[in-house]
Amino acid sequence: MANAVTEPRTETGLPLVKSRPGSRVLIYSHDTFGLGHLRRSRALANAIVEAQPDTSVIIISGSPVIGNFEFESGVDYIRIPGVTKLPDGDYRSLNLNVSLDEAVGLRQALILQAAKAFQPDVFIVDKEPTGFRGEVVPALDYLQAAGCKLVLGIRDVMDEPALLVPEWERKGAKTALIRYYDEIWVYGLRDVYQPLKALDLPEAVENRITYTGYLRRDVPPTPSLTKYPKITKQPFILVTTGGGGDGDDLIDWVISAYEADTELDQPALILFGPFIDRDKRRSFVERIAKQPKLDVMSFDNKIEWLMKKADAVVAMGGYNTFCEALSFDKRTLIVPRTRPRLEQYIRAVEAERLGLVCMLSDHKEPRTPERMAAALRALSSQPRPSEVTIPGLLDGLDRVCERLKVLTESRPRFAPAYHQAAE
């Protein structure tokens, strides 16, 4: 009687199948609001396939505008049903006529199915260790058992410690961080801010943290098809609020400065973003039309080209815009949002401390047209970010690709049989 052939298995006892060419990376984009998470995930995915052309990357996203963006060869996306944040801070299904619980259940099932079908070597989860309302936990359980490397990627600043600690405790995020993740990538520098310091993590988890530096941005290989206003043919200030869903205060403040001070010389182009409130948009357009030094655009899916053309930038200070301002070496005025989170304010305070930007805030002082007009005038004499030397400031994408190479090269000679792991 012939001897039975022993089937190769993982350390957890799961069957293995033959190895395959190239690596596979699955990215979960936490994008219940705005464009920030999607644009960060896109930057990571494009950099990964540029560094390792035989790699395949899939982004899981609920963003309704993901199809408006271009991706490098080797990158694709799965669109799951969207959810949106209401003014009172609660959430609802974006398009489907179903309850939030049902929408989350559907998203959870699709995320798990994507993990089973794609069989990633590395799973990168954006911002939330358990995903929106715990929706990635089943996928984490499944992929961990199958030997996939799990990575949590977070921006440089999450929120003030007094709010972050109880929020993460309530969500079970700290427990998930300890239980699941092989590595934690902070897309910033330790000397600028330590977003998880207040959580009092075990030393073993602290040792898993890599501060990558900020994620450098480049202009897309093909120019934007959007027609730029005439105002962009001269030095101009770009005013951007990212997705636009929470940028009303900044836009109103800039317009009021030009309304109150007719001697403001440098023109400004206001970029609304796709999620601006329709009624607010209409009101702003009417006011902008009366100001010869102002013009407006609705949305540009290749804002990098517009950012490069601009002489200076006025922004709320979200993570992506901050990275772009550094990458294109723009004099920048940050006008941070302070509600419901202090994330942008904390980033702006630290960046101003380092001399990278200037900040104008209504956190402790009144929001007057005169204050904004004075800040806009000062932009032309402000130092550029390149005049400050900070080692590793924009090394984020390079460090991510280095860590990813280490993780994928450490995988077993045989790839896990994922369909078996689910049984």
Protein backbone atom coordinates (compact mmCIF):
# COMPACT_ATOMS: atom_id res chain seq x y z
CA MET A 1 0.00 0.00 0.00
CA ALA A 2 1.42 3.35 -1.03
CA ASN A 3 2.27 5.89 1.61
CA ALA A 4 -0.19 8.79 1.87
CA VAL A 5 1.24 12.11 0.70
CA THR A 6 1.26 14.68 3.48
CA GLU A 7 -0.41 17.85 2.28
CA PRO A 8 1.63 21.01 3.11
CA ARG A 9 -0.03 23.23 5.70
CA THR A 10 0.34 26.65 7.37
CA GLU A 11 1.38 26.98 11.00
CA THR A 12 -2.33 27.07 11.87
CA GLY A 13 -2.88 23.74 10.13
CA LEU A 14 -4.60 25.12 7.04
CA PRO A 15 -3.97 23.45 3.66
CA LEU A 16 -1.63 25.17 1.21
CA VAL A 17 -1.66 25.45 -2.54
CA LYS A 18 1.16 26.24 -4.93
CA SER A 19 2.63 29.70 -4.87
CA ARG A 20 1.56 32.22 -7.49
CA PRO A 21 3.49 34.97 -9.29
CA GLY A 22 3.27 38.51 -7.95
CA SER A 23 1.82 39.78 -4.69
CA ARG A 24 -1.73 40.77 -3.90
CA VAL A 25 -2.70 43.68 -1.66
CA LEU A 26 -6.22 44.45 -0.47
CA ILE A 27 -6.91 47.96 0.87
CA TYR A 28 -9.97 48.85 2.92
CA SER A 29 -10.71 52.57 2.55
CA HIS A 30 -12.63 54.06 5.46
CA ASP A 31 -14.56 56.63 3.44
CA THR A 32 -17.88 57.38 5.10
CA PHE A 33 -17.27 61.11 4.57
CA GLY A 34 -15.32 63.23 2.09
CA LEU A 35 -12.42 62.30 -0.18
CA GLY A 36 -9.49 62.02 2.25
CA HIS A 37 -9.43 58.28 2.87
CA LEU A 38 -10.03 57.39 -0.78
CA ARG A 39 -7.30 59.71 -2.06
CA ARG A 40 -4.81 58.38 0.50
CA SER A 41 -5.64 54.78 -0.44
CA ARG A 42 -5.28 55.63 -4.12
CA ALA A 43 -1.86 57.21 -3.55
CA LEU A 44 -0.70 54.10 -1.70
CA ALA A 45 -2.04 51.71 -4.33
CA ASN A 46 -0.47 53.58 -7.24
CA ALA A 47 2.90 53.77 -5.46
CA ILE A 48 2.82 50.04 -4.65
CA VAL A 49 2.32 48.92 -8.26
CA GLU A 50 4.91 51.40 -9.50
CA ALA A 51 7.46 49.93 -7.09
CA GLN A 52 6.40 46.31 -7.72
CA PRO A 53 4.84 46.09 -11.20
CA ASP A 54 3.80 42.46 -10.77
CA THR A 55 1.63 43.34 -7.74
CA SER A 56 -2.17 43.53 -7.91
CA VAL A 57 -4.03 45.92 -5.61
CA ILE A 58 -7.76 46.15 -4.96
CA ILE A 59 -9.29 49.04 -3.02
CA ILE A 60 -12.60 48.41 -1.24
CA SER A 61 -14.49 51.69 -1.04
CA GLY A 62 -17.97 53.05 -0.47
CA SER A 63 -17.15 56.42 -2.06
CA PRO A 64 -19.67 57.49 -4.72
CA VAL A 65 -16.94 59.26 -6.71
CA ILE A 66 -14.26 56.56 -6.82
CA GLY A 67 -14.97 56.02 -10.52
CA ASN A 68 -13.90 59.61 -11.26
CA PHE A 69 -10.28 58.85 -10.44
CA GLU A 70 -7.58 57.20 -12.53
CA PHE A 71 -5.55 54.29 -11.22
CA GLU A 72 -2.26 52.78 -12.34
CA SER A 73 -2.17 49.47 -14.17
CA GLY A 74 -2.44 46.76 -11.55
CA VAL A 75 -4.95 48.68 -9.39
CA ASP A 76 -8.70 48.17 -9.35
CA TYR A 77 -11.51 48.79 -6.89
CA ILE A 78 -14.67 47.24 -5.50
CA ARG A 79 -17.47 49.69 -4.78
CA ILE A 80 -19.57 48.70 -1.77
CA PRO A 81 -22.83 50.48 -0.79
CA GLY A 82 -22.06 53.91 0.60
CA VAL A 83 -22.96 55.41 3.96
CA THR A 84 -22.93 59.11 4.79
CA LYS A 85 -22.59 61.22 7.92
CA LEU A 86 -25.54 63.45 8.84
CA PRO A 87 -25.16 66.97 10.33
CA ASP A 88 -25.98 65.60 13.79
CA GLY A 89 -23.07 63.16 13.56
CA ASP A 90 -25.20 60.08 12.92
CA TYR A 91 -25.03 57.97 9.75
CA ARG A 92 -27.43 56.59 7.16
CA SER A 93 -27.29 54.56 3.97
CA LEU A 94 -26.21 56.84 1.11
CA ASN A 95 -28.32 55.54 -1.78
CA LEU A 96 -30.10 52.35 -0.80
CA ASN A 97 -33.52 52.50 0.85
CA VAL A 98 -32.42 50.24 3.68
CA SER A 99 -31.61 50.72 7.35
CA LEU A 100 -28.07 51.54 8.40
CA ASP A 101 -27.74 48.12 10.06
CA GLU A 102 -28.73 46.38 6.83
CA ALA A 103 -26.33 48.53 4.80
CA VAL A 104 -23.47 47.70 7.18
CA GLY A 105 -24.36 44.00 7.03
CA LEU A 106 -24.22 44.10 3.25
CA ARG A 107 -20.90 45.95 3.25
CA GLN A 108 -19.48 43.45 5.76
CA ALA A 109 -20.50 40.50 3.62
CA LEU A 110 -18.99 42.03 0.48
CA ILE A 111 -15.70 42.83 2.24
CA LEU A 112 -15.42 39.25 3.49
CA GLN A 113 -16.27 37.85 0.06
CA ALA A 114 -13.64 40.06 -1.55
CA ALA A 115 -11.04 38.74 0.91
CA LYS A 116 -11.99 35.14 0.08
CA ALA A 117 -12.02 35.65 -3.66
CA PHE A 118 -8.88 37.82 -4.00
CA GLN A 119 -6.66 35.93 -1.53
CA PRO A 120 -4.43 38.89 -0.58
CA ASP A 121 -0.94 38.53 0.83
CA VAL A 122 -1.35 41.81 2.71
CA PHE A 123 -4.53 43.54 3.93
CA ILE A 124 -4.15 47.28 4.66
CA VAL A 125 -6.96 48.74 6.76
CA ASP A 126 -7.34 52.51 6.70
CA LYS A 127 -7.81 54.42 9.99
CA GLU A 128 -10.31 52.23 11.89
CA PRO A 129 -8.94 48.91 13.26
CA THR A 130 -12.41 47.32 13.11
CA GLY A 131 -13.71 49.31 10.13
CA PHE A 132 -16.98 51.24 10.11
CA ARG A 133 -19.10 49.74 12.89
CA GLY A 134 -16.94 46.63 12.99
CA GLU A 135 -17.52 45.68 9.36
CA VAL A 136 -13.99 44.39 8.67
CA VAL A 137 -13.75 42.10 11.72
CA PRO A 138 -15.00 38.96 9.90
CA ALA A 139 -12.45 39.58 7.14
CA LEU A 140 -9.71 40.10 9.74
CA ASP A 141 -10.57 36.79 11.43
CA TYR A 142 -10.60 34.98 8.11
CA LEU A 143 -7.38 36.50 6.73
CA GLN A 144 -5.45 36.11 9.98
CA ALA A 145 -6.29 32.40 10.05
CA ALA A 146 -5.17 32.15 6.43
CA GLY A 147 -1.75 33.67 7.09
CA CYS A 148 -2.33 37.04 5.44
CA LYS A 149 -0.29 39.94 6.87
CA LEU A 150 -2.55 42.58 8.45
CA VAL A 151 -1.57 46.25 8.49
CA LEU A 152 -3.32 49.25 10.01
CA GLY A 153 -2.50 52.53 8.26
CA ILE A 154 -3.34 55.78 10.03
CA ARG A 155 -2.76 59.45 9.34
CA ASP A 156 -0.40 61.57 11.44
CA VAL A 157 -3.16 62.97 13.68
CA MET A 158 -6.37 61.19 14.68
CA ASP A 159 -7.95 63.42 17.32
CA GLU A 160 -7.22 64.97 20.70
CA PRO A 161 -6.43 62.27 23.29
CA ALA A 162 -9.43 63.15 25.48
CA LEU A 163 -11.76 62.08 22.66
CA LEU A 164 -9.69 59.41 20.92
CA VAL A 165 -9.15 57.17 23.96
CA PRO A 166 -12.85 56.72 24.94
CA GLU A 167 -13.87 56.43 21.28
CA TRP A 168 -11.40 53.60 20.64
CA GLU A 169 -12.41 51.86 23.87
CA ARG A 170 -16.08 52.04 22.88
CA LYS A 171 -15.39 50.61 19.41
CA GLY A 172 -13.07 47.87 20.67
CA ALA A 173 -10.41 49.40 18.43
CA LYS A 174 -7.53 49.08 20.88
CA THR A 175 -8.33 45.40 21.48
CA ALA A 176 -8.48 44.80 17.71
CA LEU A 177 -5.18 46.61 17.24
CA ILE A 178 -3.49 44.29 19.74
CA ARG A 179 -5.18 41.12 18.49
CA TYR A 180 -4.95 41.36 14.73
CA TYR A 181 -2.33 43.70 13.32
CA ASP A 182 1.19 42.64 12.36
CA GLU A 183 2.24 46.22 11.62
CA ILE A 184 0.94 49.75 12.18
CA TRP A 185 1.97 52.42 9.69
CA VAL A 186 1.68 56.04 10.79
CA TYR A 187 1.79 58.27 7.71
CA GLY A 188 3.75 61.01 9.45
CA LEU A 189 6.78 61.63 11.67
CA ARG A 190 7.23 60.78 15.34
CA ASP A 191 8.74 64.22 15.98
CA VAL A 192 5.64 65.94 14.58
CA TYR A 193 2.93 63.97 16.39
CA GLN A 194 2.34 60.55 17.92
CA PRO A 195 -1.36 59.77 17.28
CA LEU A 196 -1.56 56.61 19.40
CA LYS A 197 0.56 57.74 22.37
CA ALA A 198 -2.42 58.29 24.68
CA LEU A 199 -3.67 54.71 24.24
CA ASP A 200 -0.92 53.27 26.49
CA LEU A 201 -0.27 50.34 24.16
CA PRO A 202 1.75 47.30 25.23
CA GLU A 203 5.43 47.46 24.32
CA ALA A 204 5.01 44.60 21.86
CA VAL A 205 2.43 46.64 19.94
CA GLU A 206 4.53 49.82 20.13
CA ASN A 207 7.31 47.88 18.43
CA ARG A 208 5.01 47.19 15.47
CA ILE A 209 4.64 50.92 14.71
CA THR A 210 6.52 52.45 11.78
CA TYR A 211 6.48 56.20 11.22
CA THR A 212 6.72 56.38 7.45
CA GLY A 213 6.86 60.13 6.87
CA TYR A 214 4.22 61.98 4.87
CA LEU A 215 2.94 60.59 1.58
CA ARG A 216 4.57 62.49 -1.27
CA ARG A 217 2.31 63.43 -4.20
CA ASP A 218 3.15 63.93 -7.87
CA VAL A 219 1.12 65.29 -10.75
CA PRO A 220 -0.75 62.54 -12.65
CA PRO A 221 0.92 61.35 -15.87
CA THR A 222 -1.85 62.86 -18.01
CA PRO A 223 -3.11 66.43 -17.54
CA SER A 224 -6.61 67.24 -16.33
CA LEU A 225 -9.32 67.53 -18.97
CA THR A 226 -11.02 70.18 -16.86
CA LYS A 227 -10.96 73.64 -18.40
CA TYR A 228 -9.31 76.05 -15.99
CA PRO A 229 -10.67 79.61 -15.61
CA LYS A 230 -8.70 82.57 -17.02
CA ILE A 231 -7.73 83.50 -13.49
CA THR A 232 -5.23 80.62 -13.51
CA LYS A 233 -3.16 82.26 -16.27
CA GLN A 234 -1.67 84.59 -13.64
CA PRO A 235 -0.38 84.02 -10.11
CA PHE A 236 -3.38 82.96 -8.04
CA ILE A 237 -4.34 81.55 -4.65
CA LEU A 238 -6.02 78.15 -4.69
CA VAL A 239 -8.72 77.81 -2.02
CA THR A 240 -9.66 74.17 -1.50
CA THR A 241 -11.81 72.38 1.06
CA GLY A 242 -11.18 68.81 -0.12
CA GLY A 243 -14.49 67.04 -0.61
CA GLY A 244 -16.35 70.22 0.32
CA GLY A 245 -18.87 68.66 2.66
CA ASP A 246 -17.61 70.66 5.62
CA GLY A 247 -15.87 73.61 3.96
CA ASP A 248 -18.64 76.23 4.12
CA ASP A 249 -16.97 78.31 6.83
CA LEU A 250 -13.66 78.59 4.99
CA ILE A 251 -15.28 79.54 1.67
CA ASP A 252 -17.51 82.11 3.35
CA TRP A 253 -14.54 83.60 5.20
CA VAL A 254 -12.46 83.99 2.02
CA ILE A 255 -15.31 85.55 0.05
CA SER A 256 -16.06 87.95 2.90
CA ALA A 257 -12.42 89.10 2.88
CA TYR A 258 -12.63 90.10 -0.79
CA GLU A 259 -16.03 91.71 -0.20
CA ALA A 260 -14.68 93.80 2.68
CA ASP A 261 -11.26 94.69 1.23
CA THR A 262 -11.33 95.87 -2.38
CA GLU A 263 -7.55 96.37 -2.34
CA LEU A 264 -6.76 92.65 -2.15
CA ASP A 265 -4.69 92.30 -5.32
CA GLN A 266 -3.98 88.61 -5.78
CA PRO A 267 -6.89 86.68 -7.33
CA ALA A 268 -8.20 83.48 -5.80
CA LEU A 269 -9.77 80.38 -7.32
CA ILE A 270 -12.22 78.59 -5.04
CA LEU A 271 -12.59 74.84 -5.57
CA PHE A 272 -15.88 73.66 -4.08
CA GLY A 273 -15.47 69.88 -3.98
CA PRO A 274 -18.14 67.33 -4.97
CA PHE A 275 -19.94 67.16 -1.60
CA ILE A 276 -20.75 70.82 -1.00
CA ASP A 277 -24.34 71.57 0.02
CA ARG A 278 -26.37 72.56 -3.05
CA ASP A 279 -27.99 75.64 -1.48
CA LYS A 280 -24.70 76.89 -0.06
CA ARG A 281 -23.07 76.40 -3.43
CA ARG A 282 -25.72 78.53 -5.14
CA SER A 283 -25.30 81.32 -2.61
CA PHE A 284 -21.51 81.26 -2.92
CA VAL A 285 -21.62 81.36 -6.73
CA GLU A 286 -23.80 84.48 -6.60
CA ARG A 287 -21.37 86.25 -4.26
CA ILE A 288 -18.27 85.15 -6.21
CA ALA A 289 -19.76 86.47 -9.46
CA LYS A 290 -19.71 89.98 -7.97
CA GLN A 291 -16.00 89.84 -7.15
CA PRO A 292 -13.58 90.43 -10.07
CA LYS A 293 -10.70 88.86 -8.14
CA LEU A 294 -12.55 85.59 -7.48
CA ASP A 295 -13.51 82.61 -9.62
CA VAL A 296 -14.80 79.14 -8.90
CA MET A 297 -14.58 75.52 -10.00
CA SER A 298 -16.78 72.66 -8.88
CA PHE A 299 -14.36 69.73 -8.78
CA ASP A 300 -11.10 68.55 -10.30
CA ASN A 301 -10.19 64.88 -10.03
CA LYS A 302 -6.58 65.83 -10.79
CA ILE A 303 -6.19 68.62 -8.29
CA GLU A 304 -2.44 68.00 -8.26
CA TRP A 305 -2.13 69.88 -11.59
CA LEU A 306 -4.09 72.82 -10.18
CA MET A 307 -2.06 72.74 -6.98
CA LYS A 308 1.16 72.88 -8.99
CA LYS A 309 -0.07 75.89 -11.00
CA ALA A 310 -1.13 77.85 -7.93
CA ASP A 311 1.11 80.50 -6.36
CA ALA A 312 -0.20 79.74 -2.86
CA VAL A 313 -2.82 77.57 -1.16
CA VAL A 314 -5.54 78.21 1.40
CA ALA A 315 -6.99 75.01 2.84
CA MET A 316 -8.61 73.44 5.87
CA GLY A 317 -5.57 71.30 6.50
CA GLY A 318 -6.83 67.79 5.90
CA TYR A 319 -4.13 65.15 5.54
CA ASN A 320 -4.09 64.90 1.74
CA THR A 321 -4.06 68.64 1.07
CA PHE A 322 -1.25 69.04 3.61
CA CYS A 323 0.80 66.38 1.80
CA GLU A 324 0.18 68.08 -1.56
CA ALA A 325 1.18 71.50 -0.24
CA LEU A 326 4.46 70.02 1.05
CA SER A 327 5.05 68.01 -2.14
CA PHE A 328 4.56 71.01 -4.45
CA ASP A 329 6.34 73.38 -2.07
CA LYS A 330 3.46 75.84 -1.76
CA ARG A 331 3.11 78.72 0.63
CA THR A 332 0.08 77.58 2.57
CA LEU A 333 -2.45 79.09 4.92
CA ILE A 334 -4.24 76.46 6.98
CA VAL A 335 -7.71 77.35 8.28
CA PRO A 336 -8.50 74.23 10.31
CA ARG A 337 -11.87 72.81 11.18
CA THR A 338 -12.30 72.50 14.94
CA ARG A 339 -15.61 70.60 15.01
CA PRO A 340 -16.36 67.74 15.51
CA ARG A 341 -12.63 66.85 15.72
CA LEU A 342 -9.48 68.85 16.44
CA GLU A 343 -7.43 66.74 13.99
CA GLN A 344 -6.87 69.57 11.50
CA TYR A 345 -6.18 72.09 14.26
CA ILE A 346 -3.57 69.86 15.91
CA ARG A 347 -1.85 69.26 12.56
CA ALA A 348 -1.86 72.98 11.75
CA VAL A 349 -0.42 73.92 15.17
CA GLU A 350 2.44 71.42 14.78
CA ALA A 351 3.11 72.35 11.14
CA GLU A 352 3.21 76.05 12.01
CA ARG A 353 5.57 75.28 14.91
CA LEU A 354 7.95 73.68 12.40
CA GLY A 355 7.65 76.61 9.99
CA LEU A 356 5.95 74.60 7.22
CA VAL A 357 2.69 76.59 7.06
CA CYS A 358 0.86 79.50 8.66
CA MET A 359 -2.42 79.03 10.49
CA LEU A 360 -5.55 81.16 10.82
CA SER A 361 -8.15 79.83 13.23
CA ASP A 362 -11.45 80.90 14.73
CA HIS A 363 -10.88 78.47 17.62
CA LYS A 364 -10.11 81.28 20.08
CA GLU A 365 -10.43 84.48 18.01
CA PRO A 366 -13.40 85.86 16.02
CA ARG A 367 -13.78 85.09 12.34
CA THR A 368 -13.59 88.57 10.80
CA PRO A 369 -13.04 89.55 7.13
CA GLU A 370 -10.12 91.75 8.20
CA ARG A 371 -8.22 88.83 9.76
CA MET A 372 -8.59 86.76 6.59
CA ALA A 373 -7.61 89.67 4.33
CA ALA A 374 -4.44 90.25 6.34
CA ALA A 375 -3.56 86.54 6.22
CA LEU A 376 -4.09 86.41 2.43
CA ARG A 377 -1.79 89.42 1.98
CA ALA A 378 0.92 87.80 4.09
CA LEU A 379 0.98 84.66 1.94
CA SER A 380 3.24 86.20 -0.72
CA SER A 381 6.06 86.81 1.78
CA GLN A 382 5.67 83.54 3.67
CA PRO A 383 8.56 81.02 3.52
CA ARG A 384 8.09 77.91 1.42
CA PRO A 385 8.13 74.46 3.09
CA SER A 386 11.42 73.64 1.34
CA GLU A 387 13.14 76.34 3.40
CA VAL A 388 12.73 74.09 6.45
CA THR A 389 14.90 70.95 6.64
CA ILE A 390 13.11 68.00 8.23
CA PRO A 391 14.71 64.59 7.51
CA GLY A 392 12.34 62.02 6.05
CA LEU A 393 9.45 64.48 5.79
CA LEU A 394 8.09 63.15 2.48
CA ASP A 395 9.48 59.61 2.51
CA GLY A 396 6.12 57.97 3.27
CA LEU A 397 5.48 56.14 0.01
CA ASP A 398 9.05 54.85 -0.16
CA ARG A 399 8.86 53.51 3.40
CA VAL A 400 5.48 51.87 2.72
CA CYS A 401 6.88 50.09 -0.32
CA GLU A 402 9.92 48.95 1.69
CA ARG A 403 7.75 47.52 4.46
CA LEU A 404 5.42 45.90 1.95
CA LYS A 405 8.33 44.19 0.24
CA VAL A 406 9.48 42.78 3.59
CA LEU A 407 5.98 41.49 4.36
CA THR A 408 5.42 39.85 0.99
CA GLU A 409 8.89 38.29 0.86
CA SER A 410 8.32 36.74 4.28
CA ARG A 411 5.22 34.87 3.10
CA PRO A 412 5.49 31.05 2.88
CA ARG A 413 6.71 29.29 -0.25
CA PHE A 414 3.16 28.07 -0.68
CA ALA A 415 0.15 30.43 -0.62
CA PRO A 416 -2.67 29.56 1.83
CA ALA A 417 -5.72 27.80 0.40
CA TYR A 418 -8.15 30.52 1.41
CA HIS A 419 -11.25 28.63 0.38
CA GLN A 420 -10.31 25.97 2.91
CA ALA A 421 -9.74 28.54 5.67
CA ALA A 422 -13.33 29.70 5.44
CA GLU A 423 -14.79 26.26 6.11
